[in-house]
Amino acid sequence: MHYSGLTFRPPYEERSLLLQVTTGCSHNACTFCSMYQDVPFSVSPMEEVEEDIAYVARHRTLHKRVFLVNGDAFCLSTDRLVRIAELIHEQLPRIETIGGYASINNILTKSADELRMLAELGYADFNIGLESGLDDVLAFMNKGYTLEQAREALARLNEAGMPFNLNIITCAAGRGRTIEHAEANAAIVNEANPTLIFVSPLHVDKGAKLEQFVEDGTFEECTLRDYITEEIEFLKRLEVTDCWFFGLHVSNPVRVSGTLPQDKELLIQELEHGLYRFPSWQLDTVPNKAAEGRIIV
């Protein structure tokens, strides 16, 4: 199998077959992200993709899903995605769906008819880093699109019948804006109605642009109490159906997971009870300081 650079996948894709079709991220400019900062973006030669699919076929694996890597595989042209899907279904008959990471801009480059065709070929449940429902936060985090463009892209996926997952970064608006951010995030997520919500608090990666903004005071990080409180307020406002709420990332101070709407009250209770597991002095401290060895959460 051909793998180059760093390979990332969501935790819930642990049983998926990882097929590399790109290296790095085509955007690679988000303020908070350092995942691909030293990895030049490139598209894998089709010959390598064909060789990898043939290799897997020879070993008769039991995978039912393919997860295309790396950073935003959906940036590939529709023609290339069609060819990849055709090869997968020809040689790996057990495969039911094909996913990967996708950005809002990746979706906007494809027409409704193209998205519908890709959905028919089994493309589903792409992991989309929406991150925030506030335009100024999207701009500060340098996502490269506006909230209105995100609405258009997500509506286009729904119209095409292609289910998708959304990433939400709680506390991305900074100190003092947790309720505002929770309300805005819930509004766009309710409108989009994804099949999965991957929620985790903002964390400052070493080497990311956000690190400098925190150091010079341009951005004020939230406290541990803010982390948990914003997630609670976000959950309270969610009105989605048949949706998996995934809050099990290592950065989540209280880890919860369940199906909405039926588990909504239980998830809120678990988060509220989680607040009592921390002393007040710890709740009112910035969790990212743990990385400096001063606090453990």
C-alpha atoms as a PDB file:
ATOM      1  CA  MET A   1       0.000   0.000   0.000  1.00  0.00           C
ATOM      2  CA  HIS A   2       1.208   3.511  -0.797  1.00  0.00           C
ATOM      3  CA  TYR A   3       1.173   5.890   2.189  1.00  0.00           C
ATOM      4  CA  SER A   4       3.186   9.096   2.338  1.00  0.00           C
ATOM      5  CA  GLY A   5       3.234  12.001   4.755  1.00  0.00           C
ATOM      6  CA  LEU A   6       0.946  11.967   7.778  1.00  0.00           C
ATOM      7  CA  THR A   7      -2.277   9.976   7.701  1.00  0.00           C
ATOM      8  CA  PHE A   8      -5.269  11.024   9.788  1.00  0.00           C
ATOM      9  CA  ARG A   9      -8.755   9.575  10.190  1.00  0.00           C
ATOM     10  CA  PRO A  10     -11.670  10.160  12.596  1.00  0.00           C
ATOM     11  CA  PRO A  11     -11.830   7.716  15.538  1.00  0.00           C
ATOM     12  CA  TYR A  12     -15.029   6.114  14.237  1.00  0.00           C
ATOM     13  CA  GLU A  13     -13.327   5.100  10.982  1.00  0.00           C
ATOM     14  CA  GLU A  14     -11.092   2.552  12.712  1.00  0.00           C
ATOM     15  CA  ARG A  15     -12.607  -0.353  10.749  1.00  0.00           C
ATOM     16  CA  SER A  16     -12.469   1.394   7.391  1.00  0.00           C
ATOM     17  CA  LEU A  17      -9.963   0.583   4.681  1.00  0.00           C
ATOM     18  CA  LEU A  18      -7.624   3.573   4.320  1.00  0.00           C
ATOM     19  CA  LEU A  19      -6.895   4.302   0.668  1.00  0.00           C
ATOM     20  CA  GLN A  20      -4.528   7.174  -0.050  1.00  0.00           C
ATOM     21  CA  VAL A  21      -5.579   9.355  -2.984  1.00  0.00           C
ATOM     22  CA  THR A  22      -3.948  12.649  -1.957  1.00  0.00           C
ATOM     23  CA  THR A  23      -1.136  13.797   0.307  1.00  0.00           C
ATOM     24  CA  GLY A  24      -1.605  16.736   2.666  1.00  0.00           C
ATOM     25  CA  CYS A  25      -4.486  19.221   2.480  1.00  0.00           C
ATOM     26  CA  SER A  26      -5.403  21.405  -0.505  1.00  0.00           C
ATOM     27  CA  HIS A  27      -6.315  24.327   1.814  1.00  0.00           C
ATOM     28  CA  ASN A  28      -3.796  23.834   4.633  1.00  0.00           C
ATOM     29  CA  ALA A  29      -4.307  27.335   6.036  1.00  0.00           C
ATOM     30  CA  CYS A  30      -6.721  26.994   8.967  1.00  0.00           C
ATOM     31  CA  THR A  31      -5.581  29.114  11.917  1.00  0.00           C
ATOM     32  CA  PHE A  32      -6.018  26.330  14.464  1.00  0.00           C
ATOM     33  CA  CYS A  33      -4.598  23.389  12.487  1.00  0.00           C
ATOM     34  CA  SER A  34      -1.046  22.064  12.218  1.00  0.00           C
ATOM     35  CA  MET A  35      -1.862  18.603  10.866  1.00  0.00           C
ATOM     36  CA  TYR A  36      -0.283  19.131   7.454  1.00  0.00           C
ATOM     37  CA  GLN A  37       1.843  22.230   7.995  1.00  0.00           C
ATOM     38  CA  ASP A  38       5.010  20.588   6.669  1.00  0.00           C
ATOM     39  CA  VAL A  39       3.329  18.348   4.087  1.00  0.00           C
ATOM     40  CA  PRO A  40       3.119  19.679   0.501  1.00  0.00           C
ATOM     41  CA  PHE A  41      -0.206  18.894  -1.133  1.00  0.00           C
ATOM     42  CA  SER A  42      -0.218  16.453  -4.039  1.00  0.00           C
ATOM     43  CA  VAL A  43      -2.572  14.087  -5.822  1.00  0.00           C
ATOM     44  CA  SER A  44      -1.645  10.404  -5.833  1.00  0.00           C
ATOM     45  CA  PRO A  45      -0.878   8.993  -9.295  1.00  0.00           C
ATOM     46  CA  MET A  46      -3.813   6.923 -10.512  1.00  0.00           C
ATOM     47  CA  GLU A  47      -1.426   4.024 -11.059  1.00  0.00           C
ATOM     48  CA  GLU A  48      -0.704   3.915  -7.307  1.00  0.00           C
ATOM     49  CA  VAL A  49      -4.401   3.979  -6.436  1.00  0.00           C
ATOM     50  CA  GLU A  50      -5.063   1.142  -8.883  1.00  0.00           C
ATOM     51  CA  GLU A  51      -2.168  -0.890  -7.439  1.00  0.00           C
ATOM     52  CA  ASP A  52      -3.456  -0.409  -3.876  1.00  0.00           C
ATOM     53  CA  ILE A  53      -6.999  -1.484  -4.746  1.00  0.00           C
ATOM     54  CA  ALA A  54      -5.643  -4.545  -6.567  1.00  0.00           C
ATOM     55  CA  TYR A  55      -3.432  -5.360  -3.546  1.00  0.00           C
ATOM     56  CA  VAL A  56      -6.423  -5.260  -1.196  1.00  0.00           C
ATOM     57  CA  ALA A  57      -8.480  -7.364  -3.610  1.00  0.00           C
ATOM     58  CA  ARG A  58      -5.818 -10.084  -3.596  1.00  0.00           C
ATOM     59  CA  HIS A  59      -5.980 -10.296   0.188  1.00  0.00           C
ATOM     60  CA  ARG A  60      -9.789 -10.649   0.310  1.00  0.00           C
ATOM     61  CA  THR A  61     -10.334  -8.273   3.238  1.00  0.00           C
ATOM     62  CA  LEU A  62     -13.680  -7.985   5.021  1.00  0.00           C
ATOM     63  CA  HIS A  63     -13.867  -4.180   4.945  1.00  0.00           C
ATOM     64  CA  LYS A  64     -17.272  -2.682   4.162  1.00  0.00           C
ATOM     65  CA  ARG A  65     -16.146   0.925   3.886  1.00  0.00           C
ATOM     66  CA  VAL A  66     -13.274   2.810   2.281  1.00  0.00           C
ATOM     67  CA  PHE A  67     -11.968   6.022   3.831  1.00  0.00           C
ATOM     68  CA  LEU A  68     -10.002   8.093   1.322  1.00  0.00           C
ATOM     69  CA  VAL A  69      -6.987   9.907   2.761  1.00  0.00           C
ATOM     70  CA  ASN A  70      -5.527  12.477   3.301  1.00  0.00           C
ATOM     71  CA  GLY A  71      -6.691  15.962   4.342  1.00  0.00           C
ATOM     72  CA  ASP A  72      -9.569  16.645   1.930  1.00  0.00           C
ATOM     73  CA  ALA A  73      -9.841  13.856  -0.612  1.00  0.00           C
ATOM     74  CA  PHE A  74     -13.106  15.296  -1.909  1.00  0.00           C
ATOM     75  CA  CYS A  75     -11.061  18.018  -3.592  1.00  0.00           C
ATOM     76  CA  LEU A  76     -10.449  15.544  -6.414  1.00  0.00           C
ATOM     77  CA  SER A  77     -12.323  16.072  -9.649  1.00  0.00           C
ATOM     78  CA  THR A  78     -15.620  14.281 -10.157  1.00  0.00           C
ATOM     79  CA  ASP A  79     -14.134  12.233 -12.997  1.00  0.00           C
ATOM     80  CA  ARG A  80     -11.328  10.992 -10.764  1.00  0.00           C
ATOM     81  CA  LEU A  81     -13.704  10.178  -7.895  1.00  0.00           C
ATOM     82  CA  VAL A  82     -15.944   8.282 -10.311  1.00  0.00           C
ATOM     83  CA  ARG A  83     -12.989   6.234 -11.578  1.00  0.00           C
ATOM     84  CA  ILE A  84     -11.862   5.431  -8.016  1.00  0.00           C
ATOM     85  CA  ALA A  85     -15.361   4.292  -7.068  1.00  0.00           C
ATOM     86  CA  GLU A  86     -15.655   2.126 -10.170  1.00  0.00           C
ATOM     87  CA  LEU A  87     -12.360   0.393  -9.389  1.00  0.00           C
ATOM     88  CA  ILE A  88     -13.384  -0.168  -5.771  1.00  0.00           C
ATOM     89  CA  HIS A  89     -16.740  -1.707  -6.662  1.00  0.00           C
ATOM     90  CA  GLU A  90     -15.256  -3.832  -9.450  1.00  0.00           C
ATOM     91  CA  GLN A  91     -12.547  -5.360  -7.261  1.00  0.00           C
ATOM     92  CA  LEU A  92     -13.890  -5.015  -3.708  1.00  0.00           C
ATOM     93  CA  PRO A  93     -17.535  -6.149  -3.866  1.00  0.00           C
ATOM     94  CA  ARG A  94     -17.986  -6.032  -0.080  1.00  0.00           C
ATOM     95  CA  ILE A  95     -17.505  -2.257  -0.008  1.00  0.00           C
ATOM     96  CA  GLU A  96     -20.789  -0.445   0.661  1.00  0.00           C
ATOM     97  CA  THR A  97     -19.713   3.183   1.136  1.00  0.00           C
ATOM     98  CA  ILE A  98     -16.770   5.459   0.413  1.00  0.00           C
ATOM     99  CA  GLY A  99     -15.892   8.485   2.535  1.00  0.00           C
ATOM    100  CA  GLY A 100     -13.042  10.717   3.607  1.00  0.00           C
ATOM    101  CA  TYR A 101     -12.427  14.293   4.688  1.00  0.00           C
ATOM    102  CA  ALA A 102     -14.142  17.090   2.748  1.00  0.00           C
ATOM    103  CA  SER A 103     -14.273  20.866   3.002  1.00  0.00           C
ATOM    104  CA  ILE A 104     -17.123  23.192   2.173  1.00  0.00           C
ATOM    105  CA  ASN A 105     -15.102  24.476  -0.769  1.00  0.00           C
ATOM    106  CA  ASN A 106     -14.629  20.917  -2.080  1.00  0.00           C
ATOM    107  CA  ILE A 107     -18.401  20.527  -2.206  1.00  0.00           C
ATOM    108  CA  LEU A 108     -18.973  23.882  -3.900  1.00  0.00           C
ATOM    109  CA  THR A 109     -16.759  22.852  -6.826  1.00  0.00           C
ATOM    110  CA  LYS A 110     -19.254  20.115  -7.712  1.00  0.00           C
ATOM    111  CA  SER A 111     -22.688  20.554  -9.265  1.00  0.00           C
ATOM    112  CA  ALA A 112     -25.872  19.037  -7.868  1.00  0.00           C
ATOM    113  CA  ASP A 113     -25.853  16.467 -10.677  1.00  0.00           C
ATOM    114  CA  GLU A 114     -22.240  15.519  -9.942  1.00  0.00           C
ATOM    115  CA  LEU A 115     -22.976  15.083  -6.234  1.00  0.00           C
ATOM    116  CA  ARG A 116     -26.016  12.968  -7.051  1.00  0.00           C
ATOM    117  CA  MET A 117     -23.912  10.737  -9.314  1.00  0.00           C
ATOM    118  CA  LEU A 118     -21.236  10.350  -6.629  1.00  0.00           C
ATOM    119  CA  ALA A 119     -23.887   9.465  -4.047  1.00  0.00           C
ATOM    120  CA  GLU A 120     -25.201   6.751  -6.373  1.00  0.00           C
ATOM    121  CA  LEU A 121     -21.663   5.366  -6.553  1.00  0.00           C
ATOM    122  CA  GLY A 122     -21.584   4.940  -2.780  1.00  0.00           C
ATOM    123  CA  TYR A 123     -19.930   8.152  -1.624  1.00  0.00           C
ATOM    124  CA  ALA A 124     -21.360   8.949   1.814  1.00  0.00           C
ATOM    125  CA  ASP A 125     -20.611  10.270   5.277  1.00  0.00           C
ATOM    126  CA  PHE A 126     -17.717  12.534   4.394  1.00  0.00           C
ATOM    127  CA  ASN A 127     -16.270  14.235   7.471  1.00  0.00           C
ATOM    128  CA  ILE A 128     -16.741  17.985   6.930  1.00  0.00           C
ATOM    129  CA  GLY A 129     -14.923  20.521   9.109  1.00  0.00           C
ATOM    130  CA  LEU A 130     -17.651  23.146   9.435  1.00  0.00           C
ATOM    131  CA  GLU A 131     -16.206  24.184  12.861  1.00  0.00           C
ATOM    132  CA  SER A 132     -18.431  27.226  13.525  1.00  0.00           C
ATOM    133  CA  GLY A 133     -21.773  28.845  12.742  1.00  0.00           C
ATOM    134  CA  LEU A 134     -20.429  32.399  13.080  1.00  0.00           C
ATOM    135  CA  ASP A 135     -18.979  34.264  10.111  1.00  0.00           C
ATOM    136  CA  ASP A 136     -16.388  36.172  12.121  1.00  0.00           C
ATOM    137  CA  VAL A 137     -15.112  32.921  13.667  1.00  0.00           C
ATOM    138  CA  LEU A 138     -14.897  31.269  10.245  1.00  0.00           C
ATOM    139  CA  ALA A 139     -12.909  34.281   9.020  1.00  0.00           C
ATOM    140  CA  PHE A 140     -10.590  34.329  12.047  1.00  0.00           C
ATOM    141  CA  MET A 141      -9.986  30.599  11.694  1.00  0.00           C
ATOM    142  CA  ASN A 142      -9.283  31.174   7.972  1.00  0.00           C
ATOM    143  CA  LYS A 143     -11.652  28.446   6.796  1.00  0.00           C
ATOM    144  CA  GLY A 144     -11.913  30.026   3.343  1.00  0.00           C
ATOM    145  CA  TYR A 145     -15.695  30.232   3.115  1.00  0.00           C
ATOM    146  CA  THR A 146     -18.654  32.097   4.616  1.00  0.00           C
ATOM    147  CA  LEU A 147     -21.597  30.730   6.565  1.00  0.00           C
ATOM    148  CA  GLU A 148     -23.866  31.331   3.576  1.00  0.00           C
ATOM    149  CA  GLN A 149     -21.537  29.279   1.380  1.00  0.00           C
ATOM    150  CA  ALA A 150     -21.598  26.511   3.990  1.00  0.00           C
ATOM    151  CA  ARG A 151     -25.404  26.560   3.938  1.00  0.00           C
ATOM    152  CA  GLU A 152     -25.390  26.262   0.158  1.00  0.00           C
ATOM    153  CA  ALA A 153     -22.911  23.363   0.165  1.00  0.00           C
ATOM    154  CA  LEU A 154     -24.712  21.370   2.862  1.00  0.00           C
ATOM    155  CA  ALA A 155     -28.091  21.919   1.217  1.00  0.00           C
ATOM    156  CA  ARG A 156     -26.585  20.660  -2.036  1.00  0.00           C
ATOM    157  CA  LEU A 157     -25.483  17.442  -0.316  1.00  0.00           C
ATOM    158  CA  ASN A 158     -28.936  16.908   1.146  1.00  0.00           C
ATOM    159  CA  GLU A 159     -30.556  17.468  -2.238  1.00  0.00           C
ATOM    160  CA  ALA A 160     -28.173  14.945  -3.770  1.00  0.00           C
ATOM    161  CA  GLY A 161     -29.020  12.336  -1.125  1.00  0.00           C
ATOM    162  CA  MET A 162     -25.451  12.175   0.179  1.00  0.00           C
ATOM    163  CA  PRO A 163     -25.346  11.867   4.007  1.00  0.00           C
ATOM    164  CA  PHE A 164     -22.492  13.654   5.774  1.00  0.00           C
ATOM    165  CA  ASN A 165     -20.803  14.261   9.128  1.00  0.00           C
ATOM    166  CA  LEU A 166     -20.085  17.696  10.593  1.00  0.00           C
ATOM    167  CA  ASN A 167     -17.210  18.774  12.848  1.00  0.00           C
ATOM    168  CA  ILE A 168     -17.989  21.494  15.386  1.00  0.00           C
ATOM    169  CA  ILE A 169     -15.238  23.125  17.465  1.00  0.00           C
ATOM    170  CA  THR A 170     -16.713  24.404  20.709  1.00  0.00           C
ATOM    171  CA  CYS A 171     -15.186  27.533  22.250  1.00  0.00           C
ATOM    172  CA  ALA A 172     -13.747  28.570  18.880  1.00  0.00           C
ATOM    173  CA  ALA A 173     -15.273  32.035  19.394  1.00  0.00           C
ATOM    174  CA  GLY A 174     -13.146  32.592  22.486  1.00  0.00           C
ATOM    175  CA  ARG A 175     -13.788  33.730  26.047  1.00  0.00           C
ATOM    176  CA  GLY A 176     -17.147  35.333  26.822  1.00  0.00           C
ATOM    177  CA  ARG A 177     -18.964  34.069  23.697  1.00  0.00           C
ATOM    178  CA  THR A 178     -19.902  30.505  24.638  1.00  0.00           C
ATOM    179  CA  ILE A 179     -23.696  30.990  24.548  1.00  0.00           C
ATOM    180  CA  GLU A 180     -23.562  32.986  21.321  1.00  0.00           C
ATOM    181  CA  HIS A 181     -21.406  30.331  19.720  1.00  0.00           C
ATOM    182  CA  ALA A 182     -23.568  27.459  20.972  1.00  0.00           C
ATOM    183  CA  GLU A 183     -26.685  29.106  19.537  1.00  0.00           C
ATOM    184  CA  ALA A 184     -25.085  29.768  16.150  1.00  0.00           C
ATOM    185  CA  ASN A 185     -23.641  26.266  15.908  1.00  0.00           C
ATOM    186  CA  ALA A 186     -26.965  24.647  16.775  1.00  0.00           C
ATOM    187  CA  ALA A 187     -28.781  26.785  14.201  1.00  0.00           C
ATOM    188  CA  ILE A 188     -26.617  25.707  11.253  1.00  0.00           C
ATOM    189  CA  VAL A 189     -26.441  22.068  12.392  1.00  0.00           C
ATOM    190  CA  ASN A 190     -30.230  21.879  12.800  1.00  0.00           C
ATOM    191  CA  GLU A 191     -30.634  23.268   9.307  1.00  0.00           C
ATOM    192  CA  ALA A 192     -28.116  20.810   7.841  1.00  0.00           C
ATOM    193  CA  ASN A 193     -29.311  17.732   9.803  1.00  0.00           C
ATOM    194  CA  PRO A 194     -26.115  15.622   9.450  1.00  0.00           C
ATOM    195  CA  THR A 195     -25.879  11.929  10.271  1.00  0.00           C
ATOM    196  CA  LEU A 196     -23.072  12.548  12.791  1.00  0.00           C
ATOM    197  CA  ILE A 197     -21.837  15.524  14.812  1.00  0.00           C
ATOM    198  CA  PHE A 198     -18.183  15.344  15.866  1.00  0.00           C
ATOM    199  CA  VAL A 199     -17.797  17.884  18.660  1.00  0.00           C
ATOM    200  CA  SER A 200     -14.550  18.798  20.412  1.00  0.00           C
ATOM    201  CA  PRO A 201     -13.222  21.955  22.093  1.00  0.00           C
ATOM    202  CA  LEU A 202     -10.635  24.232  20.569  1.00  0.00           C
ATOM    203  CA  HIS A 203      -7.099  23.202  21.410  1.00  0.00           C
ATOM    204  CA  VAL A 204      -3.967  25.089  20.484  1.00  0.00           C
ATOM    205  CA  ASP A 205      -1.673  22.905  18.399  1.00  0.00           C
ATOM    206  CA  LYS A 206       2.020  23.625  18.607  1.00  0.00           C
ATOM    207  CA  GLY A 207       3.084  25.398  15.439  1.00  0.00           C
ATOM    208  CA  ALA A 208      -0.423  26.470  14.431  1.00  0.00           C
ATOM    209  CA  LYS A 209      -1.041  30.171  13.750  1.00  0.00           C
ATOM    210  CA  LEU A 210      -3.455  30.197  16.684  1.00  0.00           C
ATOM    211  CA  GLU A 211      -0.558  29.592  19.051  1.00  0.00           C
ATOM    212  CA  GLN A 212       0.888  33.029  18.253  1.00  0.00           C
ATOM    213  CA  PHE A 213      -2.543  34.696  18.517  1.00  0.00           C
ATOM    214  CA  VAL A 214      -2.917  33.272  22.023  1.00  0.00           C
ATOM    215  CA  GLU A 215       0.577  34.364  23.034  1.00  0.00           C
ATOM    216  CA  ASP A 216       0.125  37.949  21.842  1.00  0.00           C
ATOM    217  CA  GLY A 217      -3.389  38.260  23.318  1.00  0.00           C
ATOM    218  CA  THR A 218      -5.244  38.469  20.002  1.00  0.00           C
ATOM    219  CA  PHE A 219      -7.294  35.435  21.033  1.00  0.00           C
ATOM    220  CA  GLU A 220      -8.362  34.633  24.609  1.00  0.00           C
ATOM    221  CA  GLU A 221      -8.846  30.936  25.266  1.00  0.00           C
ATOM    222  CA  CYS A 222     -11.832  29.562  27.137  1.00  0.00           C
ATOM    223  CA  THR A 223     -11.704  27.798  30.489  1.00  0.00           C
ATOM    224  CA  LEU A 224     -12.492  24.184  31.263  1.00  0.00           C
ATOM    225  CA  ARG A 225     -15.891  25.311  32.568  1.00  0.00           C
ATOM    226  CA  ASP A 226     -16.515  27.051  29.235  1.00  0.00           C
ATOM    227  CA  TYR A 227     -15.615  23.874  27.350  1.00  0.00           C
ATOM    228  CA  ILE A 228     -18.240  21.806  29.135  1.00  0.00           C
ATOM    229  CA  THR A 229     -20.841  24.566  29.378  1.00  0.00           C
ATOM    230  CA  GLU A 230     -20.778  25.387  25.663  1.00  0.00           C
ATOM    231  CA  GLU A 231     -21.198  21.734  24.769  1.00  0.00           C
ATOM    232  CA  ILE A 232     -24.212  21.535  27.098  1.00  0.00           C
ATOM    233  CA  GLU A 233     -25.785  24.673  25.620  1.00  0.00           C
ATOM    234  CA  PHE A 234     -25.122  23.389  22.097  1.00  0.00           C
ATOM    235  CA  LEU A 235     -26.783  20.070  22.880  1.00  0.00           C
ATOM    236  CA  LYS A 236     -29.814  21.745  24.457  1.00  0.00           C
ATOM    237  CA  ARG A 237     -30.520  23.584  21.201  1.00  0.00           C
ATOM    238  CA  LEU A 238     -30.044  20.652  18.824  1.00  0.00           C
ATOM    239  CA  GLU A 239     -33.164  19.445  17.013  1.00  0.00           C
ATOM    240  CA  VAL A 240     -31.687  16.873  14.641  1.00  0.00           C
ATOM    241  CA  THR A 241     -33.008  13.393  13.909  1.00  0.00           C
ATOM    242  CA  ASP A 242     -31.241  10.055  13.485  1.00  0.00           C
ATOM    243  CA  CYS A 243     -27.921  11.692  14.314  1.00  0.00           C
ATOM    244  CA  TRP A 244     -24.948  10.322  16.240  1.00  0.00           C
ATOM    245  CA  PHE A 245     -23.494  12.844  18.692  1.00  0.00           C
ATOM    246  CA  PHE A 246     -19.797  11.995  19.014  1.00  0.00           C
ATOM    247  CA  GLY A 247     -17.978  13.722  21.856  1.00  0.00           C
ATOM    248  CA  LEU A 248     -15.248  11.173  22.526  1.00  0.00           C
ATOM    249  CA  HIS A 249     -12.202  13.064  21.264  1.00  0.00           C
ATOM    250  CA  VAL A 250      -9.199  13.065  23.593  1.00  0.00           C
ATOM    251  CA  SER A 251      -9.663  16.838  24.054  1.00  0.00           C
ATOM    252  CA  ASN A 252     -13.213  16.457  25.414  1.00  0.00           C
ATOM    253  CA  PRO A 253     -12.949  16.829  29.215  1.00  0.00           C
ATOM    254  CA  VAL A 254     -16.232  14.912  29.672  1.00  0.00           C
ATOM    255  CA  ARG A 255     -16.617  12.273  26.980  1.00  0.00           C
ATOM    256  CA  VAL A 256     -20.112  11.427  25.815  1.00  0.00           C
ATOM    257  CA  SER A 257     -21.689   9.731  22.839  1.00  0.00           C
ATOM    258  CA  GLY A 258     -25.247   8.889  21.865  1.00  0.00           C
ATOM    259  CA  THR A 259     -28.007   9.101  19.301  1.00  0.00           C
ATOM    260  CA  LEU A 260     -30.166  12.180  18.887  1.00  0.00           C
ATOM    261  CA  PRO A 261     -32.853  12.961  19.742  1.00  0.00           C
ATOM    262  CA  GLN A 262     -33.500   9.961  22.008  1.00  0.00           C
ATOM    263  CA  ASP A 263     -30.293  10.283  24.087  1.00  0.00           C
ATOM    264  CA  LYS A 264     -30.311  14.084  24.289  1.00  0.00           C
ATOM    265  CA  GLU A 265     -31.345  14.466  27.936  1.00  0.00           C
ATOM    266  CA  LEU A 266     -29.011  11.685  29.051  1.00  0.00           C
ATOM    267  CA  LEU A 267     -26.057  13.316  27.267  1.00  0.00           C
ATOM    268  CA  ILE A 268     -26.839  16.676  28.874  1.00  0.00           C
ATOM    269  CA  GLN A 269     -27.047  15.039  32.306  1.00  0.00           C
ATOM    270  CA  GLU A 270     -23.701  13.299  31.783  1.00  0.00           C
ATOM    271  CA  LEU A 271     -22.039  16.593  30.861  1.00  0.00           C
ATOM    272  CA  GLU A 272     -23.633  18.406  33.814  1.00  0.00           C
ATOM    273  CA  HIS A 273     -22.530  15.668  36.198  1.00  0.00           C
ATOM    274  CA  GLY A 274     -19.088  15.854  34.647  1.00  0.00           C
ATOM    275  CA  LEU A 275     -18.725  19.416  35.874  1.00  0.00           C
ATOM    276  CA  TYR A 276     -18.733  18.099  39.462  1.00  0.00           C
ATOM    277  CA  ARG A 277     -15.710  15.921  38.792  1.00  0.00           C
ATOM    278  CA  PHE A 278     -13.446  18.957  38.681  1.00  0.00           C
ATOM    279  CA  PRO A 279     -12.624  21.389  41.519  1.00  0.00           C
ATOM    280  CA  SER A 280     -13.629  25.022  40.931  1.00  0.00           C
ATOM    281  CA  TRP A 281     -10.052  26.231  40.567  1.00  0.00           C
ATOM    282  CA  GLN A 282      -9.546  23.767  37.731  1.00  0.00           C
ATOM    283  CA  LEU A 283     -12.833  24.595  35.996  1.00  0.00           C
ATOM    284  CA  ASP A 284     -11.833  28.247  35.848  1.00  0.00           C
ATOM    285  CA  THR A 285      -8.408  27.581  34.329  1.00  0.00           C
ATOM    286  CA  VAL A 286      -7.482  27.275  30.658  1.00  0.00           C
ATOM    287  CA  PRO A 287      -7.147  23.516  29.906  1.00  0.00           C
ATOM    288  CA  ASN A 288      -4.465  23.990  27.256  1.00  0.00           C
ATOM    289  CA  LYS A 289      -2.069  24.953  30.042  1.00  0.00           C
ATOM    290  CA  ALA A 290      -2.027  21.229  30.818  1.00  0.00           C
ATOM    291  CA  ALA A 291       0.356  20.837  27.912  1.00  0.00           C
ATOM    292  CA  GLU A 292       2.838  22.957  29.853  1.00  0.00           C
ATOM    293  CA  GLY A 293       2.706  20.600  32.791  1.00  0.00           C
ATOM    294  CA  ARG A 294       0.910  22.946  35.186  1.00  0.00           C
ATOM    295  CA  ILE A 295      -2.532  21.374  35.213  1.00  0.00           C
ATOM    296  CA  ILE A 296      -3.831  17.912  34.424  1.00  0.00           C
ATOM    297  CA  VAL A 297      -7.456  17.545  33.250  1.00  0.00           C
END
